[in-house]
Amino acid sequence: MPARAGIALILPAPWLLSGLKSTDVCHLGQIPALVQAVLFAALLLAAAWIDYQEHIIPDILNLGIALSALLCFRPANLWGLLAAVPFLVAAMGGGMGGGDVKMVSACGLVLGFWDAMFGCLIGLFLMLCSCLVVSGGLRGKEARPMAPFLSAGFLAAYVLP
């Protein structure tokens, strides 16, 4: 991993940690939340970087995101798996790859249904803005990495109250 990629994984940590509910991080109950926040952010940023470079999201990153849900597990977060259903339908139609579906479902386990949907909407909105503004419009079936945009949306959904 290049040095710049390692720095990119560390830089958002203070921003992410500021979203924790209590300022007393040394409290025993906050340690799993702190570990989950750092791990979730690092894995999402790694997925975004690799997807941008190679157009693939490694399964090990999706597994890591899903396992990070166990640090602060709530049974209601299992409904977050349903956030991946629209992505699964699009993947079956050939509109996207399966790594995006796995990433959305793994993030759904961490965030829960409504926060995962919020993260998806933010990510898709950012992708649309990027396509319209930066790329100069939508052009046919051009392959674009989704993980950078979805990662931004999921990080926002994780941090925002």
N, C-alpha and C. Protein backbone atom coordinates (compact mmCIF):
# COMPACT_ATOMS: atom_id res chain seq x y z
N MET A 1 0.85 -1.17 0.00
CA MET A 1 0.00 0.00 0.00
C MET A 1 0.90 1.24 0.00
N PRO A 2 0.66 2.17 -0.92
CA PRO A 2 1.47 3.38 -0.95
C PRO A 2 1.30 4.19 0.34
N ALA A 3 2.29 5.01 0.64
CA ALA A 3 2.26 5.80 1.87
C ALA A 3 1.07 6.75 1.90
N ARG A 4 0.74 7.32 0.73
CA ARG A 4 -0.40 8.25 0.69
C ARG A 4 -1.70 7.54 1.04
N ALA A 5 -1.85 6.29 0.65
CA ALA A 5 -3.06 5.54 0.97
C ALA A 5 -3.15 5.31 2.47
N GLY A 6 -2.03 5.03 3.11
CA GLY A 6 -2.03 4.84 4.56
C GLY A 6 -2.40 6.11 5.29
N ILE A 7 -1.89 7.25 4.81
CA ILE A 7 -2.25 8.52 5.42
C ILE A 7 -3.73 8.81 5.21
N ALA A 8 -4.26 8.47 4.04
CA ALA A 8 -5.67 8.71 3.75
C ALA A 8 -6.57 7.88 4.66
N LEU A 9 -6.08 6.75 5.14
CA LEU A 9 -6.87 5.94 6.05
C LEU A 9 -6.89 6.52 7.46
N ILE A 10 -5.88 7.29 7.82
CA ILE A 10 -5.76 7.80 9.17
C ILE A 10 -6.40 9.19 9.31
N LEU A 11 -6.35 10.02 8.28
CA LEU A 11 -6.80 11.40 8.38
C LEU A 11 -8.23 11.59 8.87
N PRO A 12 -9.22 10.80 8.43
CA PRO A 12 -10.58 11.06 8.90
C PRO A 12 -10.88 10.55 10.31
N ALA A 13 -9.92 9.95 10.99
CA ALA A 13 -10.19 9.38 12.31
C ALA A 13 -10.70 10.42 13.32
N PRO A 14 -10.09 11.62 13.44
CA PRO A 14 -10.64 12.57 14.42
C PRO A 14 -12.07 13.00 14.07
N TRP A 15 -12.36 13.18 12.80
CA TRP A 15 -13.71 13.56 12.38
C TRP A 15 -14.70 12.47 12.75
N LEU A 16 -14.31 11.22 12.51
CA LEU A 16 -15.19 10.10 12.83
C LEU A 16 -15.37 9.95 14.33
N LEU A 17 -14.28 10.13 15.07
CA LEU A 17 -14.35 9.94 16.52
C LEU A 17 -15.16 11.04 17.19
N SER A 18 -15.25 12.19 16.56
CA SER A 18 -16.06 13.27 17.14
C SER A 18 -17.54 12.92 17.13
N GLY A 19 -17.93 11.94 16.33
CA GLY A 19 -19.33 11.54 16.27
C GLY A 19 -19.74 10.63 17.41
N LEU A 20 -18.79 10.18 18.21
CA LEU A 20 -19.16 9.34 19.35
C LEU A 20 -19.98 10.15 20.34
N LYS A 21 -20.93 9.51 20.97
CA LYS A 21 -21.91 10.20 21.82
C LYS A 21 -21.27 10.84 23.05
N SER A 22 -20.28 10.21 23.63
CA SER A 22 -19.68 10.71 24.86
C SER A 22 -18.25 11.12 24.61
N THR A 23 -17.80 12.14 25.34
CA THR A 23 -16.41 12.54 25.20
C THR A 23 -15.49 11.67 26.06
N ASP A 24 -16.05 10.86 26.94
CA ASP A 24 -15.28 9.99 27.81
C ASP A 24 -15.00 8.67 27.10
N VAL A 25 -13.97 8.64 26.27
CA VAL A 25 -13.65 7.46 25.49
C VAL A 25 -13.07 6.36 26.37
N CYS A 26 -12.52 6.72 27.52
CA CYS A 26 -11.94 5.72 28.40
C CYS A 26 -13.00 4.88 29.11
N HIS A 27 -14.23 5.31 29.08
CA HIS A 27 -15.31 4.53 29.67
C HIS A 27 -15.37 3.18 28.97
N LEU A 28 -15.51 2.12 29.73
CA LEU A 28 -15.43 0.76 29.19
C LEU A 28 -16.43 0.52 28.07
N GLY A 29 -17.62 1.09 28.13
CA GLY A 29 -18.63 0.88 27.09
C GLY A 29 -18.31 1.58 25.79
N GLN A 30 -17.45 2.60 25.82
CA GLN A 30 -17.12 3.36 24.63
C GLN A 30 -15.99 2.73 23.82
N ILE A 31 -15.23 1.85 24.42
CA ILE A 31 -14.08 1.27 23.71
C ILE A 31 -14.53 0.46 22.49
N PRO A 32 -15.54 -0.41 22.58
CA PRO A 32 -15.98 -1.10 21.36
C PRO A 32 -16.50 -0.13 20.29
N ALA A 33 -17.17 0.94 20.70
CA ALA A 33 -17.66 1.92 19.74
C ALA A 33 -16.50 2.63 19.05
N LEU A 34 -15.46 2.93 19.81
CA LEU A 34 -14.27 3.57 19.25
C LEU A 34 -13.58 2.64 18.26
N VAL A 35 -13.40 1.39 18.64
CA VAL A 35 -12.76 0.41 17.76
C VAL A 35 -13.60 0.22 16.50
N GLN A 36 -14.92 0.13 16.66
CA GLN A 36 -15.79 -0.04 15.51
C GLN A 36 -15.69 1.16 14.57
N ALA A 37 -15.68 2.37 15.12
CA ALA A 37 -15.61 3.57 14.29
C ALA A 37 -14.34 3.61 13.46
N VAL A 38 -13.21 3.33 14.10
CA VAL A 38 -11.93 3.36 13.40
C VAL A 38 -11.86 2.24 12.36
N LEU A 39 -12.28 1.05 12.74
CA LEU A 39 -12.25 -0.09 11.83
C LEU A 39 -13.19 0.11 10.64
N PHE A 40 -14.39 0.58 10.91
CA PHE A 40 -15.38 0.84 9.86
C PHE A 40 -14.85 1.87 8.86
N ALA A 41 -14.30 2.96 9.38
CA ALA A 41 -13.76 4.01 8.50
C ALA A 41 -12.57 3.50 7.69
N ALA A 42 -11.67 2.79 8.33
CA ALA A 42 -10.48 2.29 7.63
C ALA A 42 -10.86 1.30 6.52
N LEU A 43 -11.79 0.40 6.82
CA LEU A 43 -12.19 -0.59 5.81
C LEU A 43 -12.95 0.07 4.65
N LEU A 44 -13.80 1.05 4.96
CA LEU A 44 -14.51 1.74 3.88
C LEU A 44 -13.54 2.54 3.00
N LEU A 45 -12.58 3.19 3.63
CA LEU A 45 -11.61 3.95 2.84
C LEU A 45 -10.72 3.03 2.01
N ALA A 46 -10.36 1.89 2.55
CA ALA A 46 -9.58 0.92 1.77
C ALA A 46 -10.40 0.40 0.59
N ALA A 47 -11.68 0.11 0.81
CA ALA A 47 -12.54 -0.35 -0.27
C ALA A 47 -12.69 0.71 -1.34
N ALA A 48 -12.83 1.97 -0.92
CA ALA A 48 -12.95 3.07 -1.88
C ALA A 48 -11.68 3.20 -2.71
N TRP A 49 -10.55 3.12 -2.06
CA TRP A 49 -9.27 3.26 -2.77
C TRP A 49 -9.05 2.12 -3.77
N ILE A 50 -9.29 0.90 -3.33
CA ILE A 50 -9.07 -0.25 -4.21
C ILE A 50 -10.07 -0.25 -5.36
N ASP A 51 -11.32 0.10 -5.08
CA ASP A 51 -12.32 0.14 -6.15
C ASP A 51 -11.98 1.23 -7.16
N TYR A 52 -11.48 2.35 -6.69
CA TYR A 52 -11.07 3.43 -7.60
C TYR A 52 -9.91 2.99 -8.48
N GLN A 53 -8.95 2.27 -7.90
CA GLN A 53 -7.76 1.86 -8.64
C GLN A 53 -8.00 0.65 -9.55
N GLU A 54 -8.73 -0.36 -9.03
CA GLU A 54 -8.81 -1.64 -9.73
C GLU A 54 -10.22 -2.07 -10.12
N HIS A 55 -11.24 -1.27 -9.76
CA HIS A 55 -12.64 -1.60 -10.06
C HIS A 55 -13.07 -2.93 -9.47
N ILE A 56 -12.64 -3.18 -8.25
CA ILE A 56 -13.04 -4.39 -7.52
C ILE A 56 -13.02 -4.08 -6.03
N ILE A 57 -13.96 -4.67 -5.29
CA ILE A 57 -13.97 -4.54 -3.84
C ILE A 57 -13.67 -5.93 -3.27
N PRO A 58 -12.51 -6.11 -2.66
CA PRO A 58 -12.15 -7.44 -2.15
C PRO A 58 -13.15 -7.94 -1.09
N ASP A 59 -13.46 -9.21 -1.17
CA ASP A 59 -14.40 -9.81 -0.22
C ASP A 59 -13.92 -9.71 1.22
N ILE A 60 -12.61 -9.72 1.43
CA ILE A 60 -12.08 -9.66 2.78
C ILE A 60 -12.43 -8.33 3.44
N LEU A 61 -12.50 -7.26 2.67
CA LEU A 61 -12.90 -5.96 3.23
C LEU A 61 -14.38 -5.97 3.61
N ASN A 62 -15.21 -6.54 2.76
CA ASN A 62 -16.64 -6.64 3.08
C ASN A 62 -16.86 -7.51 4.30
N LEU A 63 -16.10 -8.58 4.43
CA LEU A 63 -16.19 -9.44 5.61
C LEU A 63 -15.76 -8.68 6.86
N GLY A 64 -14.71 -7.90 6.75
CA GLY A 64 -14.25 -7.10 7.88
C GLY A 64 -15.29 -6.08 8.32
N ILE A 65 -15.95 -5.45 7.35
CA ILE A 65 -17.01 -4.49 7.69
C ILE A 65 -18.14 -5.21 8.41
N ALA A 66 -18.54 -6.37 7.89
CA ALA A 66 -19.62 -7.13 8.51
C ALA A 66 -19.23 -7.57 9.92
N LEU A 67 -18.00 -8.01 10.11
CA LEU A 67 -17.56 -8.45 11.43
C LEU A 67 -17.43 -7.28 12.41
N SER A 68 -17.17 -6.08 11.90
CA SER A 68 -17.10 -4.92 12.79
C SER A 68 -18.46 -4.62 13.41
N ALA A 69 -19.52 -5.10 12.79
CA ALA A 69 -20.87 -4.91 13.35
C ALA A 69 -21.01 -5.65 14.68
N LEU A 70 -20.21 -6.69 14.89
CA LEU A 70 -20.30 -7.46 16.13
C LEU A 70 -19.79 -6.68 17.34
N LEU A 71 -19.00 -5.64 17.12
CA LEU A 71 -18.47 -4.86 18.24
C LEU A 71 -19.56 -4.10 18.98
N CYS A 72 -20.55 -3.63 18.28
CA CYS A 72 -21.68 -2.91 18.89
C CYS A 72 -22.97 -3.47 18.31
N PHE A 73 -23.15 -4.77 18.46
CA PHE A 73 -24.26 -5.45 17.79
C PHE A 73 -25.60 -5.13 18.42
N ARG A 74 -26.58 -4.87 17.54
CA ARG A 74 -27.98 -4.74 17.94
C ARG A 74 -28.79 -5.60 16.96
N PRO A 75 -29.67 -6.43 17.46
CA PRO A 75 -30.45 -7.30 16.57
C PRO A 75 -31.25 -6.53 15.51
N ALA A 76 -31.67 -5.31 15.82
CA ALA A 76 -32.43 -4.52 14.85
C ALA A 76 -31.60 -4.19 13.61
N ASN A 77 -30.27 -4.19 13.75
CA ASN A 77 -29.42 -3.88 12.60
C ASN A 77 -29.44 -4.97 11.53
N LEU A 78 -29.96 -6.13 11.86
CA LEU A 78 -30.07 -7.19 10.84
C LEU A 78 -30.98 -6.75 9.70
N TRP A 79 -31.94 -5.86 9.98
CA TRP A 79 -32.80 -5.34 8.92
C TRP A 79 -31.99 -4.54 7.89
N GLY A 80 -30.80 -4.11 8.26
CA GLY A 80 -29.93 -3.37 7.35
C GLY A 80 -29.53 -4.16 6.12
N LEU A 81 -29.62 -5.49 6.21
CA LEU A 81 -29.31 -6.31 5.04
C LEU A 81 -30.26 -6.01 3.87
N LEU A 82 -31.47 -5.57 4.19
CA LEU A 82 -32.45 -5.28 3.14
C LEU A 82 -32.08 -4.05 2.31
N ALA A 83 -31.18 -3.23 2.79
CA ALA A 83 -30.74 -2.07 2.02
C ALA A 83 -30.04 -2.48 0.74
N ALA A 84 -29.54 -3.70 0.70
CA ALA A 84 -28.81 -4.18 -0.47
C ALA A 84 -29.73 -4.72 -1.56
N VAL A 85 -31.02 -4.87 -1.28
CA VAL A 85 -31.94 -5.47 -2.27
C VAL A 85 -31.98 -4.69 -3.58
N PRO A 86 -32.11 -3.34 -3.58
CA PRO A 86 -32.09 -2.63 -4.87
C PRO A 86 -30.78 -2.82 -5.63
N PHE A 87 -29.69 -2.90 -4.90
CA PHE A 87 -28.39 -3.11 -5.53
C PHE A 87 -28.29 -4.52 -6.10
N LEU A 88 -28.86 -5.49 -5.41
CA LEU A 88 -28.88 -6.86 -5.91
C LEU A 88 -29.68 -6.96 -7.21
N VAL A 89 -30.81 -6.27 -7.27
CA VAL A 89 -31.62 -6.26 -8.49
C VAL A 89 -30.83 -5.63 -9.64
N ALA A 90 -30.14 -4.53 -9.36
CA ALA A 90 -29.34 -3.88 -10.40
C ALA A 90 -28.18 -4.76 -10.84
N ALA A 91 -27.58 -5.49 -9.91
CA ALA A 91 -26.46 -6.38 -10.26
C ALA A 91 -26.95 -7.55 -11.11
N MET A 92 -28.14 -8.06 -10.80
CA MET A 92 -28.67 -9.17 -11.60
C MET A 92 -28.99 -8.72 -13.02
N GLY A 93 -29.31 -7.44 -13.18
CA GLY A 93 -29.57 -6.89 -14.51
C GLY A 93 -28.30 -6.48 -15.23
N GLY A 94 -27.16 -6.65 -14.60
CA GLY A 94 -25.89 -6.31 -15.23
C GLY A 94 -25.50 -4.86 -15.06
N GLY A 95 -26.18 -4.13 -14.16
CA GLY A 95 -25.91 -2.71 -13.99
C GLY A 95 -24.74 -2.39 -13.08
N MET A 96 -24.30 -3.36 -12.28
CA MET A 96 -23.19 -3.13 -11.36
C MET A 96 -22.60 -4.47 -10.93
N GLY A 97 -21.50 -4.38 -10.22
CA GLY A 97 -20.84 -5.59 -9.77
C GLY A 97 -21.36 -6.08 -8.44
N GLY A 98 -20.99 -7.29 -8.10
CA GLY A 98 -21.45 -7.89 -6.85
C GLY A 98 -20.76 -7.36 -5.62
N GLY A 99 -19.57 -6.79 -5.78
CA GLY A 99 -18.86 -6.22 -4.64
C GLY A 99 -19.62 -5.08 -4.00
N ASP A 100 -20.30 -4.28 -4.82
CA ASP A 100 -21.10 -3.17 -4.29
C ASP A 100 -22.26 -3.70 -3.47
N VAL A 101 -22.88 -4.79 -3.93
CA VAL A 101 -23.99 -5.39 -3.20
C VAL A 101 -23.52 -5.89 -1.85
N LYS A 102 -22.37 -6.57 -1.82
CA LYS A 102 -21.82 -7.09 -0.58
C LYS A 102 -21.44 -5.96 0.37
N MET A 103 -20.90 -4.89 -0.18
CA MET A 103 -20.51 -3.76 0.65
C MET A 103 -21.73 -3.10 1.30
N VAL A 104 -22.80 -2.92 0.53
CA VAL A 104 -24.02 -2.32 1.07
C VAL A 104 -24.61 -3.21 2.16
N SER A 105 -24.63 -4.51 1.93
CA SER A 105 -25.20 -5.40 2.95
C SER A 105 -24.33 -5.41 4.21
N ALA A 106 -23.00 -5.39 4.07
CA ALA A 106 -22.12 -5.36 5.23
C ALA A 106 -22.30 -4.06 6.01
N CYS A 107 -22.40 -2.96 5.29
CA CYS A 107 -22.61 -1.67 5.96
C CYS A 107 -23.99 -1.61 6.60
N GLY A 108 -24.96 -2.29 6.01
CA GLY A 108 -26.29 -2.36 6.59
C GLY A 108 -26.27 -3.05 7.95
N LEU A 109 -25.39 -4.02 8.13
CA LEU A 109 -25.26 -4.68 9.43
C LEU A 109 -24.71 -3.73 10.49
N VAL A 110 -23.83 -2.84 10.07
CA VAL A 110 -23.24 -1.89 11.01
C VAL A 110 -24.23 -0.76 11.32
N LEU A 111 -24.90 -0.26 10.29
CA LEU A 111 -25.71 0.95 10.43
C LEU A 111 -27.18 0.69 10.77
N GLY A 112 -27.73 -0.41 10.33
CA GLY A 112 -29.17 -0.62 10.41
C GLY A 112 -29.83 -0.15 9.11
N PHE A 113 -31.11 -0.48 8.97
CA PHE A 113 -31.80 -0.24 7.70
C PHE A 113 -31.85 1.23 7.30
N TRP A 114 -32.38 2.08 8.17
CA TRP A 114 -32.61 3.47 7.77
C TRP A 114 -31.32 4.24 7.57
N ASP A 115 -30.34 4.01 8.41
CA ASP A 115 -29.05 4.68 8.22
C ASP A 115 -28.33 4.16 6.98
N ALA A 116 -28.47 2.88 6.68
CA ALA A 116 -27.87 2.33 5.46
C ALA A 116 -28.55 2.93 4.22
N MET A 117 -29.86 3.07 4.27
CA MET A 117 -30.56 3.69 3.14
C MET A 117 -30.14 5.15 2.98
N PHE A 118 -30.00 5.84 4.10
CA PHE A 118 -29.54 7.23 4.06
C PHE A 118 -28.14 7.31 3.45
N GLY A 119 -27.25 6.40 3.85
CA GLY A 119 -25.90 6.36 3.29
C GLY A 119 -25.90 6.06 1.81
N CYS A 120 -26.79 5.15 1.39
CA CYS A 120 -26.90 4.83 -0.04
C CYS A 120 -27.37 6.04 -0.83
N LEU A 121 -28.36 6.73 -0.30
CA LEU A 121 -28.87 7.92 -1.00
C LEU A 121 -27.81 9.00 -1.11
N ILE A 122 -27.07 9.23 -0.04
CA ILE A 122 -25.99 10.23 -0.11
C ILE A 122 -24.94 9.80 -1.12
N GLY A 123 -24.54 8.53 -1.06
CA GLY A 123 -23.52 8.04 -1.99
C GLY A 123 -23.96 8.11 -3.44
N LEU A 124 -25.20 7.73 -3.71
CA LEU A 124 -25.69 7.78 -5.09
C LEU A 124 -25.85 9.22 -5.57
N PHE A 125 -26.25 10.11 -4.67
CA PHE A 125 -26.34 11.52 -5.02
C PHE A 125 -24.95 12.08 -5.35
N LEU A 126 -23.95 11.74 -4.54
CA LEU A 126 -22.58 12.18 -4.82
C LEU A 126 -22.07 11.63 -6.15
N MET A 127 -22.42 10.39 -6.44
CA MET A 127 -22.00 9.80 -7.71
C MET A 127 -22.68 10.51 -8.89
N LEU A 128 -23.96 10.82 -8.74
CA LEU A 128 -24.67 11.54 -9.79
C LEU A 128 -24.05 12.91 -10.01
N CYS A 129 -23.75 13.62 -8.93
CA CYS A 129 -23.11 14.93 -9.05
C CYS A 129 -21.76 14.82 -9.74
N SER A 130 -21.01 13.80 -9.38
CA SER A 130 -19.71 13.58 -10.01
C SER A 130 -19.85 13.31 -11.50
N CYS A 131 -20.83 12.50 -11.85
CA CYS A 131 -21.03 12.17 -13.27
C CYS A 131 -21.45 13.40 -14.06
N LEU A 132 -22.30 14.22 -13.48
CA LEU A 132 -22.82 15.38 -14.19
C LEU A 132 -21.83 16.53 -14.24
N VAL A 133 -21.14 16.78 -13.13
CA VAL A 133 -20.27 17.94 -13.05
C VAL A 133 -18.85 17.63 -13.50
N VAL A 134 -18.25 16.63 -12.92
CA VAL A 134 -16.85 16.33 -13.18
C VAL A 134 -16.66 15.65 -14.53
N SER A 135 -17.46 14.64 -14.81
CA SER A 135 -17.28 13.86 -16.04
C SER A 135 -17.97 14.49 -17.24
N GLY A 136 -18.78 15.49 -17.02
CA GLY A 136 -19.43 16.15 -18.15
C GLY A 136 -20.70 15.47 -18.61
N GLY A 137 -21.30 14.65 -17.82
CA GLY A 137 -22.57 14.03 -18.17
C GLY A 137 -22.52 12.52 -18.12
N LEU A 138 -23.69 11.94 -18.29
CA LEU A 138 -23.80 10.48 -18.28
C LEU A 138 -23.56 9.96 -19.69
N ARG A 139 -22.65 9.01 -19.80
CA ARG A 139 -22.32 8.47 -21.11
C ARG A 139 -22.46 6.95 -21.09
N GLY A 140 -23.47 6.44 -21.71
CA GLY A 140 -23.64 5.01 -21.95
C GLY A 140 -23.34 4.12 -20.76
N LYS A 141 -22.76 2.97 -21.07
CA LYS A 141 -22.44 1.97 -20.04
C LYS A 141 -20.96 2.05 -19.70
N GLU A 142 -20.58 3.17 -19.15
CA GLU A 142 -19.20 3.39 -18.75
C GLU A 142 -19.02 2.87 -17.33
N ALA A 143 -18.02 2.05 -17.09
CA ALA A 143 -17.78 1.49 -15.75
C ALA A 143 -17.21 2.57 -14.83
N ARG A 144 -17.89 2.78 -13.71
CA ARG A 144 -17.45 3.75 -12.72
C ARG A 144 -17.42 3.05 -11.36
N PRO A 145 -16.39 3.32 -10.56
CA PRO A 145 -16.36 2.72 -9.23
C PRO A 145 -17.41 3.39 -8.33
N MET A 146 -18.18 2.59 -7.61
CA MET A 146 -19.20 3.13 -6.70
C MET A 146 -18.73 3.21 -5.26
N ALA A 147 -17.76 2.42 -4.90
CA ALA A 147 -17.33 2.36 -3.49
C ALA A 147 -16.86 3.71 -2.94
N PRO A 148 -16.15 4.55 -3.70
CA PRO A 148 -15.77 5.85 -3.11
C PRO A 148 -16.99 6.68 -2.69
N PHE A 149 -18.03 6.66 -3.50
CA PHE A 149 -19.22 7.45 -3.20
C PHE A 149 -20.05 6.81 -2.09
N LEU A 150 -20.21 5.49 -2.17
CA LEU A 150 -20.96 4.80 -1.12
C LEU A 150 -20.23 4.90 0.22
N SER A 151 -18.91 4.83 0.20
CA SER A 151 -18.14 4.95 1.44
C SER A 151 -18.36 6.32 2.08
N ALA A 152 -18.37 7.36 1.27
CA ALA A 152 -18.63 8.71 1.81
C ALA A 152 -20.02 8.77 2.42
N GLY A 153 -20.99 8.19 1.73
CA GLY A 153 -22.36 8.19 2.25
C GLY A 153 -22.48 7.39 3.53
N PHE A 154 -21.84 6.24 3.61
CA PHE A 154 -21.93 5.41 4.81
C PHE A 154 -21.19 6.06 5.99
N LEU A 155 -20.06 6.71 5.71
CA LEU A 155 -19.36 7.41 6.78
C LEU A 155 -20.21 8.56 7.31
N ALA A 156 -20.87 9.27 6.40
CA ALA A 156 -21.75 10.36 6.84
C ALA A 156 -22.90 9.81 7.67
N ALA A 157 -23.48 8.71 7.23
CA ALA A 157 -24.61 8.10 7.97
C ALA A 157 -24.15 7.59 9.33
N TYR A 158 -22.92 7.14 9.44
CA TYR A 158 -22.40 6.64 10.71
C TYR A 158 -22.18 7.78 11.70
N VAL A 159 -21.69 8.91 11.22
CA VAL A 159 -21.31 10.00 12.10
C VAL A 159 -22.49 10.91 12.44
N LEU A 160 -23.36 11.17 11.47
CA LEU A 160 -24.46 12.09 11.72
C LEU A 160 -25.46 11.48 12.70
N PRO A 161 -26.04 12.31 13.57
CA PRO A 161 -26.99 11.77 14.57
C PRO A 161 -28.28 11.27 13.97
